[in-house]
Amino acid sequence: MGVVKAVRNSVTASGEVAALWVTHRLEELRYADGAIYMEDGRTIIQGDVSSISRFIKRKQARYFGHFEL
């Protein structure tokens, strides 16, 4: 998380710097201004962080609903 915060601080402080962050960790989305969800190299959905988070959580719920825990 230290790296995420350092990148975010650099982007915020400069105003001239943009960063593209690739991750599989949903908790890192809280530092993003927007997000894109991809599967097999294709964009499935893009938008604000809350919309993408909801989409991913619904997708996970459907996936895990197929298994008996």
PDB file of N, CA and C in Angstrom:
ATOM      1  N   MET A   1       0.819  -1.194   0.000  1.00  0.00           N
ATOM      2  CA  MET A   1       0.000   0.000   0.000  1.00  0.00           C
ATOM      3  C   MET A   1       0.866   1.262   0.000  1.00  0.00           C
ATOM      4  N   GLY A   2       2.088   1.142   0.453  1.00  0.00           N
ATOM      5  CA  GLY A   2       2.977   2.293   0.443  1.00  0.00           C
ATOM      6  C   GLY A   2       3.237   2.805  -0.955  1.00  0.00           C
ATOM      7  N   VAL A   3       3.392   1.894  -1.903  1.00  0.00           N
ATOM      8  CA  VAL A   3       3.623   2.292  -3.291  1.00  0.00           C
ATOM      9  C   VAL A   3       2.382   2.984  -3.857  1.00  0.00           C
ATOM     10  N   VAL A   4       1.219   2.437  -3.566  1.00  0.00           N
ATOM     11  CA  VAL A   4      -0.032   3.036  -4.047  1.00  0.00           C
ATOM     12  C   VAL A   4      -0.151   4.463  -3.529  1.00  0.00           C
ATOM     13  N   LYS A   5       0.110   4.656  -2.257  1.00  0.00           N
ATOM     14  CA  LYS A   5       0.007   5.993  -1.665  1.00  0.00           C
ATOM     15  C   LYS A   5       1.045   6.946  -2.250  1.00  0.00           C
ATOM     16  N   ALA A   6       2.266   6.459  -2.501  1.00  0.00           N
ATOM     17  CA  ALA A   6       3.305   7.309  -3.086  1.00  0.00           C
ATOM     18  C   ALA A   6       2.912   7.752  -4.488  1.00  0.00           C
ATOM     19  N   VAL A   7       2.374   6.842  -5.283  1.00  0.00           N
ATOM     20  CA  VAL A   7       1.927   7.198  -6.636  1.00  0.00           C
ATOM     21  C   VAL A   7       0.793   8.201  -6.557  1.00  0.00           C
ATOM     22  N   ARG A   8      -0.168   7.948  -5.701  1.00  0.00           N
ATOM     23  CA  ARG A   8      -1.315   8.860  -5.547  1.00  0.00           C
ATOM     24  C   ARG A   8      -0.850  10.253  -5.128  1.00  0.00           C
ATOM     25  N   ASN A   9       0.096  10.326  -4.191  1.00  0.00           N
ATOM     26  CA  ASN A   9       0.619  11.618  -3.748  1.00  0.00           C
ATOM     27  C   ASN A   9       1.333  12.348  -4.886  1.00  0.00           C
ATOM     28  N   SER A  10       2.077  11.619  -5.705  1.00  0.00           N
ATOM     29  CA  SER A  10       2.779  12.230  -6.843  1.00  0.00           C
ATOM     30  C   SER A  10       1.793  12.810  -7.848  1.00  0.00           C
ATOM     31  N   VAL A  11       0.736  12.066  -8.125  1.00  0.00           N
ATOM     32  CA  VAL A  11      -0.277  12.528  -9.071  1.00  0.00           C
ATOM     33  C   VAL A  11      -0.985  13.763  -8.521  1.00  0.00           C
ATOM     34  N   THR A  12      -1.337  13.723  -7.262  1.00  0.00           N
ATOM     35  CA  THR A  12      -2.067  14.825  -6.632  1.00  0.00           C
ATOM     36  C   THR A  12      -1.207  16.083  -6.532  1.00  0.00           C
ATOM     37  N   ALA A  13       0.052  15.918  -6.145  1.00  0.00           N
ATOM     38  CA  ALA A  13       0.931  17.070  -5.929  1.00  0.00           C
ATOM     39  C   ALA A  13       1.277  17.785  -7.232  1.00  0.00           C
ATOM     40  N   SER A  14       1.479  17.034  -8.273  1.00  0.00           N
ATOM     41  CA  SER A  14       1.952  17.612  -9.533  1.00  0.00           C
ATOM     42  C   SER A  14       0.845  18.271 -10.337  1.00  0.00           C
ATOM     43  N   GLY A  15      -0.238  17.577 -10.539  1.00  0.00           N
ATOM     44  CA  GLY A  15      -1.287  18.068 -11.410  1.00  0.00           C
ATOM     45  C   GLY A  15      -0.974  17.840 -12.879  1.00  0.00           C
ATOM     46  N   GLU A  16       0.262  17.487 -13.175  1.00  0.00           N
ATOM     47  CA  GLU A  16       0.688  17.227 -14.552  1.00  0.00           C
ATOM     48  C   GLU A  16       1.034  15.763 -14.771  1.00  0.00           C
ATOM     49  N   VAL A  17       0.869  14.945 -13.764  1.00  0.00           N
ATOM     50  CA  VAL A  17       1.240  13.538 -13.835  1.00  0.00           C
ATOM     51  C   VAL A  17      -0.017  12.689 -13.795  1.00  0.00           C
ATOM     52  N   ALA A  18      -0.065  11.688 -14.654  1.00  0.00           N
ATOM     53  CA  ALA A  18      -1.156  10.712 -14.631  1.00  0.00           C
ATOM     54  C   ALA A  18      -0.542   9.341 -14.371  1.00  0.00           C
ATOM     55  N   ALA A  19      -1.299   8.465 -13.780  1.00  0.00           N
ATOM     56  CA  ALA A  19      -0.810   7.121 -13.490  1.00  0.00           C
ATOM     57  C   ALA A  19      -1.859   6.100 -13.896  1.00  0.00           C
ATOM     58  N   LEU A  20      -1.394   5.032 -14.482  1.00  0.00           N
ATOM     59  CA  LEU A  20      -2.241   3.890 -14.806  1.00  0.00           C
ATOM     60  C   LEU A  20      -1.807   2.763 -13.893  1.00  0.00           C
ATOM     61  N   TRP A  21      -2.745   2.259 -13.110  1.00  0.00           N
ATOM     62  CA  TRP A  21      -2.438   1.238 -12.118  1.00  0.00           C
ATOM     63  C   TRP A  21      -3.175  -0.035 -12.495  1.00  0.00           C
ATOM     64  N   VAL A  22      -2.457  -1.123 -12.642  1.00  0.00           N
ATOM     65  CA  VAL A  22      -3.052  -2.417 -12.963  1.00  0.00           C
ATOM     66  C   VAL A  22      -3.001  -3.273 -11.705  1.00  0.00           C
ATOM     67  N   THR A  23      -4.158  -3.788 -11.298  1.00  0.00           N
ATOM     68  CA  THR A  23      -4.200  -4.548 -10.050  1.00  0.00           C
ATOM     69  C   THR A  23      -5.314  -5.583 -10.080  1.00  0.00           C
ATOM     70  N   HIS A  24      -5.205  -6.542  -9.202  1.00  0.00           N
ATOM     71  CA  HIS A  24      -6.271  -7.514  -8.951  1.00  0.00           C
ATOM     72  C   HIS A  24      -6.843  -7.317  -7.549  1.00  0.00           C
ATOM     73  N   ARG A  25      -6.378  -6.303  -6.859  1.00  0.00           N
ATOM     74  CA  ARG A  25      -6.783  -6.058  -5.471  1.00  0.00           C
ATOM     75  C   ARG A  25      -7.851  -4.967  -5.401  1.00  0.00           C
ATOM     76  N   LEU A  26      -9.036  -5.371  -5.028  1.00  0.00           N
ATOM     77  CA  LEU A  26     -10.148  -4.411  -4.978  1.00  0.00           C
ATOM     78  C   LEU A  26      -9.909  -3.269  -4.004  1.00  0.00           C
ATOM     79  N   GLU A  27      -9.202  -3.523  -2.912  1.00  0.00           N
ATOM     80  CA  GLU A  27      -8.976  -2.470  -1.918  1.00  0.00           C
ATOM     81  C   GLU A  27      -8.171  -1.306  -2.503  1.00  0.00           C
ATOM     82  N   GLU A  28      -7.410  -1.548  -3.570  1.00  0.00           N
ATOM     83  CA  GLU A  28      -6.629  -0.476  -4.177  1.00  0.00           C
ATOM     84  C   GLU A  28      -7.494   0.482  -5.006  1.00  0.00           C
ATOM     85  N   LEU A  29      -8.711   0.090  -5.302  1.00  0.00           N
ATOM     86  CA  LEU A  29      -9.605   0.971  -6.067  1.00  0.00           C
ATOM     87  C   LEU A  29      -9.944   2.252  -5.323  1.00  0.00           C
ATOM     88  N   ARG A  30      -9.879   2.229  -4.012  1.00  0.00           N
ATOM     89  CA  ARG A  30     -10.249   3.423  -3.253  1.00  0.00           C
ATOM     90  C   ARG A  30      -9.338   4.613  -3.556  1.00  0.00           C
ATOM     91  N   TYR A  31      -8.184   4.352  -4.138  1.00  0.00           N
ATOM     92  CA  TYR A  31      -7.250   5.428  -4.485  1.00  0.00           C
ATOM     93  C   TYR A  31      -7.404   5.893  -5.925  1.00  0.00           C
ATOM     94  N   ALA A  32      -8.306   5.287  -6.654  1.00  0.00           N
ATOM     95  CA  ALA A  32      -8.456   5.586  -8.090  1.00  0.00           C
ATOM     96  C   ALA A  32      -9.517   6.645  -8.346  1.00  0.00           C
ATOM     97  N   ASP A  33      -9.343   7.357  -9.435  1.00  0.00           N
ATOM     98  CA  ASP A  33     -10.350   8.322  -9.889  1.00  0.00           C
ATOM     99  C   ASP A  33     -11.375   7.650 -10.794  1.00  0.00           C
ATOM    100  N   GLY A  34     -10.991   6.545 -11.388  1.00  0.00           N
ATOM    101  CA  GLY A  34     -11.858   5.778 -12.280  1.00  0.00           C
ATOM    102  C   GLY A  34     -11.266   4.387 -12.426  1.00  0.00           C
ATOM    103  N   ALA A  35     -12.000   3.503 -13.078  1.00  0.00           N
ATOM    104  CA  ALA A  35     -11.522   2.136 -13.208  1.00  0.00           C
ATOM    105  C   ALA A  35     -12.055   1.496 -14.480  1.00  0.00           C
ATOM    106  N   ILE A  36     -11.338   0.489 -14.923  1.00  0.00           N
ATOM    107  CA  ILE A  36     -11.744  -0.314 -16.070  1.00  0.00           C
ATOM    108  C   ILE A  36     -11.624  -1.774 -15.652  1.00  0.00           C
ATOM    109  N   TYR A  37     -12.670  -2.559 -15.904  1.00  0.00           N
ATOM    110  CA  TYR A  37     -12.639  -3.992 -15.629  1.00  0.00           C
ATOM    111  C   TYR A  37     -12.449  -4.704 -16.964  1.00  0.00           C
ATOM    112  N   MET A  38     -11.455  -5.596 -17.005  1.00  0.00           N
ATOM    113  CA  MET A  38     -11.143  -6.305 -18.249  1.00  0.00           C
ATOM    114  C   MET A  38     -11.178  -7.817 -18.036  1.00  0.00           C
ATOM    115  N   GLU A  39     -11.527  -8.525 -19.093  1.00  0.00           N
ATOM    116  CA  GLU A  39     -11.449  -9.987 -19.127  1.00  0.00           C
ATOM    117  C   GLU A  39     -10.870 -10.384 -20.476  1.00  0.00           C
ATOM    118  N   ASP A  40      -9.910 -11.278 -20.460  1.00  0.00           N
ATOM    119  CA  ASP A  40      -9.299 -11.778 -21.690  1.00  0.00           C
ATOM    120  C   ASP A  40      -8.825 -10.654 -22.608  1.00  0.00           C
ATOM    121  N   GLY A  41      -8.272  -9.589 -22.010  1.00  0.00           N
ATOM    122  CA  GLY A  41      -7.725  -8.486 -22.790  1.00  0.00           C
ATOM    123  C   GLY A  41      -8.740  -7.521 -23.355  1.00  0.00           C
ATOM    124  N   ARG A  42     -10.004  -7.679 -22.982  1.00  0.00           N
ATOM    125  CA  ARG A  42     -11.054  -6.791 -23.497  1.00  0.00           C
ATOM    126  C   ARG A  42     -11.710  -6.015 -22.359  1.00  0.00           C
ATOM    127  N   THR A  43     -12.038  -4.774 -22.659  1.00  0.00           N
ATOM    128  CA  THR A  43     -12.748  -3.953 -21.681  1.00  0.00           C
ATOM    129  C   THR A  43     -14.185  -4.440 -21.570  1.00  0.00           C
ATOM    130  N   ILE A  44     -14.596  -4.760 -20.350  1.00  0.00           N
ATOM    131  CA  ILE A  44     -15.968  -5.193 -20.086  1.00  0.00           C
ATOM    132  C   ILE A  44     -16.809  -4.007 -19.618  1.00  0.00           C
ATOM    133  N   ILE A  45     -16.252  -3.206 -18.714  1.00  0.00           N
ATOM    134  CA  ILE A  45     -16.960  -2.033 -18.192  1.00  0.00           C
ATOM    135  C   ILE A  45     -15.930  -1.017 -17.724  1.00  0.00           C
ATOM    136  N   GLN A  46     -16.244   0.254 -17.879  1.00  0.00           N
ATOM    137  CA  GLN A  46     -15.399   1.305 -17.333  1.00  0.00           C
ATOM    138  C   GLN A  46     -16.286   2.382 -16.746  1.00  0.00           C
ATOM    139  N   GLY A  47     -15.764   3.059 -15.727  1.00  0.00           N
ATOM    140  CA  GLY A  47     -16.548   4.101 -15.087  1.00  0.00           C
ATOM    141  C   GLY A  47     -15.955   4.518 -13.767  1.00  0.00           C
ATOM    142  N   ASP A  48     -16.814   5.044 -12.913  1.00  0.00           N
ATOM    143  CA  ASP A  48     -16.349   5.481 -11.601  1.00  0.00           C
ATOM    144  C   ASP A  48     -16.100   4.260 -10.715  1.00  0.00           C
ATOM    145  N   VAL A  49     -15.321   4.463  -9.685  1.00  0.00           N
ATOM    146  CA  VAL A  49     -14.880   3.369  -8.824  1.00  0.00           C
ATOM    147  C   VAL A  49     -16.050   2.642  -8.165  1.00  0.00           C
ATOM    148  N   SER A  50     -17.054   3.362  -7.695  1.00  0.00           N
ATOM    149  CA  SER A  50     -18.165   2.700  -7.011  1.00  0.00           C
ATOM    150  C   SER A  50     -18.943   1.792  -7.965  1.00  0.00           C
ATOM    151  N   SER A  51     -19.139   2.221  -9.198  1.00  0.00           N
ATOM    152  CA  SER A  51     -19.840   1.377 -10.184  1.00  0.00           C
ATOM    153  C   SER A  51     -19.046   0.116 -10.506  1.00  0.00           C
ATOM    154  N   ILE A  52     -17.749   0.264 -10.682  1.00  0.00           N
ATOM    155  CA  ILE A  52     -16.903  -0.883 -10.998  1.00  0.00           C
ATOM    156  C   ILE A  52     -16.852  -1.838  -9.805  1.00  0.00           C
ATOM    157  N   SER A  53     -16.739  -1.305  -8.612  1.00  0.00           N
ATOM    158  CA  SER A  53     -16.715  -2.149  -7.406  1.00  0.00           C
ATOM    159  C   SER A  53     -18.001  -2.958  -7.273  1.00  0.00           C
ATOM    160  N   ARG A  54     -19.141  -2.313  -7.491  1.00  0.00           N
ATOM    161  CA  ARG A  54     -20.422  -3.024  -7.415  1.00  0.00           C
ATOM    162  C   ARG A  54     -20.494  -4.123  -8.473  1.00  0.00           C
ATOM    163  N   PHE A  55     -20.061  -3.813  -9.680  1.00  0.00           N
ATOM    164  CA  PHE A  55     -20.055  -4.795 -10.763  1.00  0.00           C
ATOM    165  C   PHE A  55     -19.221  -6.016 -10.385  1.00  0.00           C
ATOM    166  N   ILE A  56     -18.014  -5.785  -9.878  1.00  0.00           N
ATOM    167  CA  ILE A  56     -17.120  -6.886  -9.515  1.00  0.00           C
ATOM    168  C   ILE A  56     -17.699  -7.698  -8.363  1.00  0.00           C
ATOM    169  N   LYS A  57     -18.255  -7.041  -7.367  1.00  0.00           N
ATOM    170  CA  LYS A  57     -18.822  -7.758  -6.224  1.00  0.00           C
ATOM    171  C   LYS A  57     -20.023  -8.607  -6.635  1.00  0.00           C
ATOM    172  N   ARG A  58     -20.857  -8.102  -7.542  1.00  0.00           N
ATOM    173  CA  ARG A  58     -21.981  -8.911  -8.050  1.00  0.00           C
ATOM    174  C   ARG A  58     -21.461 -10.116  -8.824  1.00  0.00           C
ATOM    175  N   LYS A  59     -20.440  -9.893  -9.626  1.00  0.00           N
ATOM    176  CA  LYS A  59     -19.833 -10.970 -10.405  1.00  0.00           C
ATOM    177  C   LYS A  59     -19.249 -12.043  -9.474  1.00  0.00           C
ATOM    178  N   GLN A  60     -18.564 -11.614  -8.425  1.00  0.00           N
ATOM    179  CA  GLN A  60     -18.006 -12.555  -7.450  1.00  0.00           C
ATOM    180  C   GLN A  60     -19.117 -13.329  -6.747  1.00  0.00           C
ATOM    181  N   ALA A  61     -20.187 -12.649  -6.384  1.00  0.00           N
ATOM    182  CA  ALA A  61     -21.297 -13.312  -5.688  1.00  0.00           C
ATOM    183  C   ALA A  61     -21.912 -14.394  -6.566  1.00  0.00           C
ATOM    184  N   ARG A  62     -22.084 -14.096  -7.860  1.00  0.00           N
ATOM    185  CA  ARG A  62     -22.620 -15.107  -8.782  1.00  0.00           C
ATOM    186  C   ARG A  62     -21.659 -16.288  -8.900  1.00  0.00           C
ATOM    187  N   TYR A  63     -20.372 -15.986  -8.998  1.00  0.00           N
ATOM    188  CA  TYR A  63     -19.357 -17.039  -9.136  1.00  0.00           C
ATOM    189  C   TYR A  63     -19.349 -17.939  -7.893  1.00  0.00           C
ATOM    190  N   PHE A  64     -19.278 -17.350  -6.723  1.00  0.00           N
ATOM    191  CA  PHE A  64     -19.210 -18.134  -5.494  1.00  0.00           C
ATOM    192  C   PHE A  64     -20.549 -18.794  -5.171  1.00  0.00           C
ATOM    193  N   GLY A  65     -21.625 -18.310  -5.754  1.00  0.00           N
ATOM    194  CA  GLY A  65     -22.923 -18.941  -5.557  1.00  0.00           C
ATOM    195  C   GLY A  65     -23.015 -20.315  -6.209  1.00  0.00           C
ATOM    196  N   HIS A  66     -22.090 -20.617  -7.090  1.00  0.00           N
ATOM    197  CA  HIS A  66     -22.057 -21.919  -7.765  1.00  0.00           C
ATOM    198  C   HIS A  66     -21.406 -23.005  -6.917  1.00  0.00           C
ATOM    199  N   PHE A  67     -20.831 -22.618  -5.791  1.00  0.00           N
ATOM    200  CA  PHE A  67     -20.119 -23.573  -4.940  1.00  0.00           C
ATOM    201  C   PHE A  67     -20.823 -23.697  -3.605  1.00  0.00           C
ATOM    202  N   GLU A  68     -20.808 -24.876  -3.060  1.00  0.00           N
ATOM    203  CA  GLU A  68     -21.310 -25.053  -1.702  1.00  0.00           C
ATOM    204  C   GLU A  68     -20.150 -24.840  -0.748  1.00  0.00           C
ATOM    205  N   LEU A  69     -20.306 -23.911   0.163  1.00  0.00           N
ATOM    206  CA  LEU A  69     -19.232 -23.622   1.132  1.00  0.00           C
ATOM    207  C   LEU A  69     -19.568 -24.199   2.485  1.00  0.00           C
TER     208      LEU A  69
END
